[in-house]
Amino acid sequence: MNKYKYPKVLEEMKKHKESQIEISEVLGISDMTLRKKLAGITDWTITEIEILCKHYKVNFNKLFKKEN
């Protein structure tokens, strides 16, 4: 079982060769907070979602749509 609830975000990070620390800085949050968001422990804010979508130049579904 994958410990991350948002694997598509991780896929984009890997695709762009960005670390969790780099993305936490883009979002203005701590690395620990980002890990909690990726694991689904803490909810994403609308602002954080907008920042990530703009950063990766993708829409919401590309990063957050659940796979069946």
N, C-alpha and C. Protein backbone atom coordinates (compact mmCIF):
# COMPACT_ATOMS: atom_id res chain seq x y z
N MET A 1 0.84 -1.20 0.00
CA MET A 1 0.00 0.00 0.00
C MET A 1 0.87 1.24 0.00
N ASN A 2 0.54 2.17 -0.87
CA ASN A 2 1.29 3.41 -0.98
C ASN A 2 0.93 4.31 0.20
N LYS A 3 1.94 4.89 0.83
CA LYS A 3 1.67 5.75 1.98
C LYS A 3 1.23 7.15 1.56
N TYR A 4 1.25 7.42 0.25
CA TYR A 4 0.85 8.73 -0.23
C TYR A 4 -0.53 8.68 -0.88
N LYS A 5 -1.35 9.63 -0.50
CA LYS A 5 -2.71 9.71 -1.05
C LYS A 5 -2.71 10.47 -2.38
N TYR A 6 -1.65 11.24 -2.64
CA TYR A 6 -1.59 12.08 -3.84
C TYR A 6 -0.37 11.73 -4.69
N PRO A 7 -0.35 10.53 -5.29
CA PRO A 7 0.82 10.10 -6.07
C PRO A 7 1.07 10.94 -7.31
N LYS A 8 0.03 11.57 -7.85
CA LYS A 8 0.21 12.39 -9.05
C LYS A 8 1.06 13.63 -8.76
N VAL A 9 0.92 14.15 -7.56
CA VAL A 9 1.77 15.28 -7.17
C VAL A 9 3.22 14.81 -7.12
N LEU A 10 3.44 13.64 -6.54
CA LEU A 10 4.80 13.09 -6.48
C LEU A 10 5.34 12.82 -7.88
N GLU A 11 4.50 12.34 -8.79
CA GLU A 11 4.93 12.09 -10.16
C GLU A 11 5.41 13.38 -10.82
N GLU A 12 4.70 14.47 -10.60
CA GLU A 12 5.11 15.76 -11.16
C GLU A 12 6.42 16.23 -10.54
N MET A 13 6.57 16.03 -9.24
CA MET A 13 7.81 16.40 -8.57
C MET A 13 8.99 15.65 -9.18
N LYS A 14 8.82 14.34 -9.38
CA LYS A 14 9.88 13.52 -9.96
C LYS A 14 10.16 13.93 -11.40
N LYS A 15 9.10 14.17 -12.15
CA LYS A 15 9.23 14.57 -13.55
C LYS A 15 10.07 15.85 -13.67
N HIS A 16 9.90 16.77 -12.73
CA HIS A 16 10.62 18.04 -12.75
C HIS A 16 11.87 18.03 -11.87
N LYS A 17 12.18 16.85 -11.32
CA LYS A 17 13.37 16.67 -10.47
C LYS A 17 13.40 17.67 -9.31
N GLU A 18 12.24 17.77 -8.63
CA GLU A 18 12.10 18.66 -7.49
C GLU A 18 11.92 17.86 -6.21
N SER A 19 12.56 18.30 -5.17
CA SER A 19 12.47 17.62 -3.88
C SER A 19 11.26 18.13 -3.10
N GLN A 20 10.91 17.40 -2.05
CA GLN A 20 9.83 17.85 -1.18
C GLN A 20 10.19 19.18 -0.53
N ILE A 21 11.45 19.38 -0.24
CA ILE A 21 11.88 20.65 0.36
C ILE A 21 11.65 21.79 -0.62
N GLU A 22 11.99 21.58 -1.89
CA GLU A 22 11.78 22.63 -2.89
C GLU A 22 10.31 22.97 -3.05
N ILE A 23 9.46 21.95 -3.08
CA ILE A 23 8.03 22.21 -3.24
C ILE A 23 7.43 22.83 -1.99
N SER A 24 7.91 22.43 -0.83
CA SER A 24 7.41 23.07 0.40
C SER A 24 7.76 24.55 0.40
N GLU A 25 8.92 24.91 -0.15
CA GLU A 25 9.30 26.32 -0.25
C GLU A 25 8.41 27.05 -1.25
N VAL A 26 8.09 26.41 -2.37
CA VAL A 26 7.17 27.01 -3.35
C VAL A 26 5.83 27.30 -2.70
N LEU A 27 5.37 26.37 -1.86
CA LEU A 27 4.06 26.51 -1.20
C LEU A 27 4.11 27.38 0.05
N GLY A 28 5.30 27.64 0.57
CA GLY A 28 5.42 28.45 1.79
C GLY A 28 5.02 27.68 3.04
N ILE A 29 5.28 26.35 3.02
CA ILE A 29 4.97 25.50 4.17
C ILE A 29 6.21 24.69 4.54
N SER A 30 6.17 24.05 5.68
CA SER A 30 7.30 23.23 6.09
C SER A 30 7.30 21.90 5.34
N ASP A 31 8.45 21.26 5.31
CA ASP A 31 8.57 19.95 4.66
C ASP A 31 7.67 18.94 5.36
N MET A 32 7.57 19.00 6.67
CA MET A 32 6.71 18.08 7.42
C MET A 32 5.24 18.30 7.04
N THR A 33 4.83 19.53 6.89
CA THR A 33 3.45 19.82 6.49
C THR A 33 3.18 19.28 5.11
N LEU A 34 4.13 19.42 4.19
CA LEU A 34 3.95 18.87 2.84
C LEU A 34 3.81 17.35 2.90
N ARG A 35 4.63 16.69 3.69
CA ARG A 35 4.53 15.23 3.82
C ARG A 35 3.15 14.83 4.33
N LYS A 36 2.62 15.57 5.30
CA LYS A 36 1.29 15.28 5.83
C LYS A 36 0.21 15.48 4.78
N LYS A 37 0.37 16.49 3.93
CA LYS A 37 -0.60 16.74 2.87
C LYS A 37 -0.54 15.62 1.83
N LEU A 38 0.66 15.21 1.45
CA LEU A 38 0.82 14.13 0.47
C LEU A 38 0.25 12.81 0.99
N ALA A 39 0.33 12.60 2.29
CA ALA A 39 -0.17 11.37 2.90
C ALA A 39 -1.68 11.44 3.17
N GLY A 40 -2.27 12.63 3.01
CA GLY A 40 -3.70 12.76 3.26
C GLY A 40 -4.05 13.00 4.72
N ILE A 41 -3.05 13.29 5.54
CA ILE A 41 -3.28 13.56 6.96
C ILE A 41 -3.81 14.97 7.15
N THR A 42 -3.28 15.89 6.36
CA THR A 42 -3.67 17.30 6.40
C THR A 42 -4.27 17.67 5.05
N ASP A 43 -5.33 18.45 5.06
CA ASP A 43 -5.97 18.87 3.81
C ASP A 43 -5.18 19.96 3.11
N TRP A 44 -5.28 19.96 1.78
CA TRP A 44 -4.70 21.02 0.97
C TRP A 44 -5.62 22.23 1.03
N THR A 45 -5.05 23.42 1.01
CA THR A 45 -5.87 24.63 0.91
C THR A 45 -6.09 24.93 -0.58
N ILE A 46 -7.09 25.72 -0.86
CA ILE A 46 -7.35 26.13 -2.24
C ILE A 46 -6.12 26.86 -2.80
N THR A 47 -5.53 27.71 -1.99
CA THR A 47 -4.37 28.47 -2.42
C THR A 47 -3.20 27.55 -2.77
N GLU A 48 -2.96 26.53 -1.95
CA GLU A 48 -1.87 25.59 -2.23
C GLU A 48 -2.11 24.82 -3.52
N ILE A 49 -3.36 24.42 -3.74
CA ILE A 49 -3.72 23.72 -4.97
C ILE A 49 -3.48 24.63 -6.18
N GLU A 50 -3.91 25.87 -6.06
CA GLU A 50 -3.71 26.83 -7.16
C GLU A 50 -2.22 27.04 -7.44
N ILE A 51 -1.42 27.15 -6.39
CA ILE A 51 0.02 27.35 -6.56
C ILE A 51 0.65 26.15 -7.26
N LEU A 52 0.29 24.94 -6.82
CA LEU A 52 0.85 23.73 -7.45
C LEU A 52 0.43 23.62 -8.91
N CYS A 53 -0.83 23.86 -9.21
CA CYS A 53 -1.30 23.78 -10.59
C CYS A 53 -0.58 24.80 -11.47
N LYS A 54 -0.41 25.98 -10.97
CA LYS A 54 0.30 27.02 -11.73
C LYS A 54 1.78 26.65 -11.87
N HIS A 55 2.37 26.16 -10.81
CA HIS A 55 3.79 25.79 -10.82
C HIS A 55 4.07 24.72 -11.88
N TYR A 56 3.19 23.71 -11.96
CA TYR A 56 3.38 22.62 -12.90
C TYR A 56 2.64 22.83 -14.22
N LYS A 57 1.91 23.94 -14.32
CA LYS A 57 1.16 24.26 -15.55
C LYS A 57 0.20 23.12 -15.93
N VAL A 58 -0.54 22.66 -14.94
CA VAL A 58 -1.53 21.60 -15.14
C VAL A 58 -2.83 21.99 -14.44
N ASN A 59 -3.91 21.27 -14.77
CA ASN A 59 -5.17 21.56 -14.10
C ASN A 59 -5.32 20.68 -12.84
N PHE A 60 -6.35 20.98 -12.09
CA PHE A 60 -6.62 20.29 -10.83
C PHE A 60 -6.67 18.77 -11.01
N ASN A 61 -7.38 18.31 -12.03
CA ASN A 61 -7.55 16.86 -12.24
C ASN A 61 -6.23 16.14 -12.46
N LYS A 62 -5.29 16.79 -13.10
CA LYS A 62 -3.99 16.18 -13.37
C LYS A 62 -3.28 15.82 -12.05
N LEU A 63 -3.45 16.63 -11.03
CA LEU A 63 -2.75 16.41 -9.77
C LEU A 63 -3.58 15.71 -8.70
N PHE A 64 -4.89 15.94 -8.71
CA PHE A 64 -5.69 15.51 -7.56
C PHE A 64 -6.84 14.56 -7.84
N LYS A 65 -7.13 14.26 -9.09
CA LYS A 65 -8.22 13.34 -9.40
C LYS A 65 -7.86 11.94 -8.94
N LYS A 66 -8.78 11.30 -8.23
CA LYS A 66 -8.55 9.94 -7.74
C LYS A 66 -8.64 8.95 -8.88
N GLU A 67 -7.74 7.97 -8.83
CA GLU A 67 -7.77 6.89 -9.81
C GLU A 67 -8.61 5.76 -9.26
N ASN A 68 -9.30 5.05 -10.13
CA ASN A 68 -10.11 3.91 -9.70
C ASN A 68 -9.33 2.63 -9.78
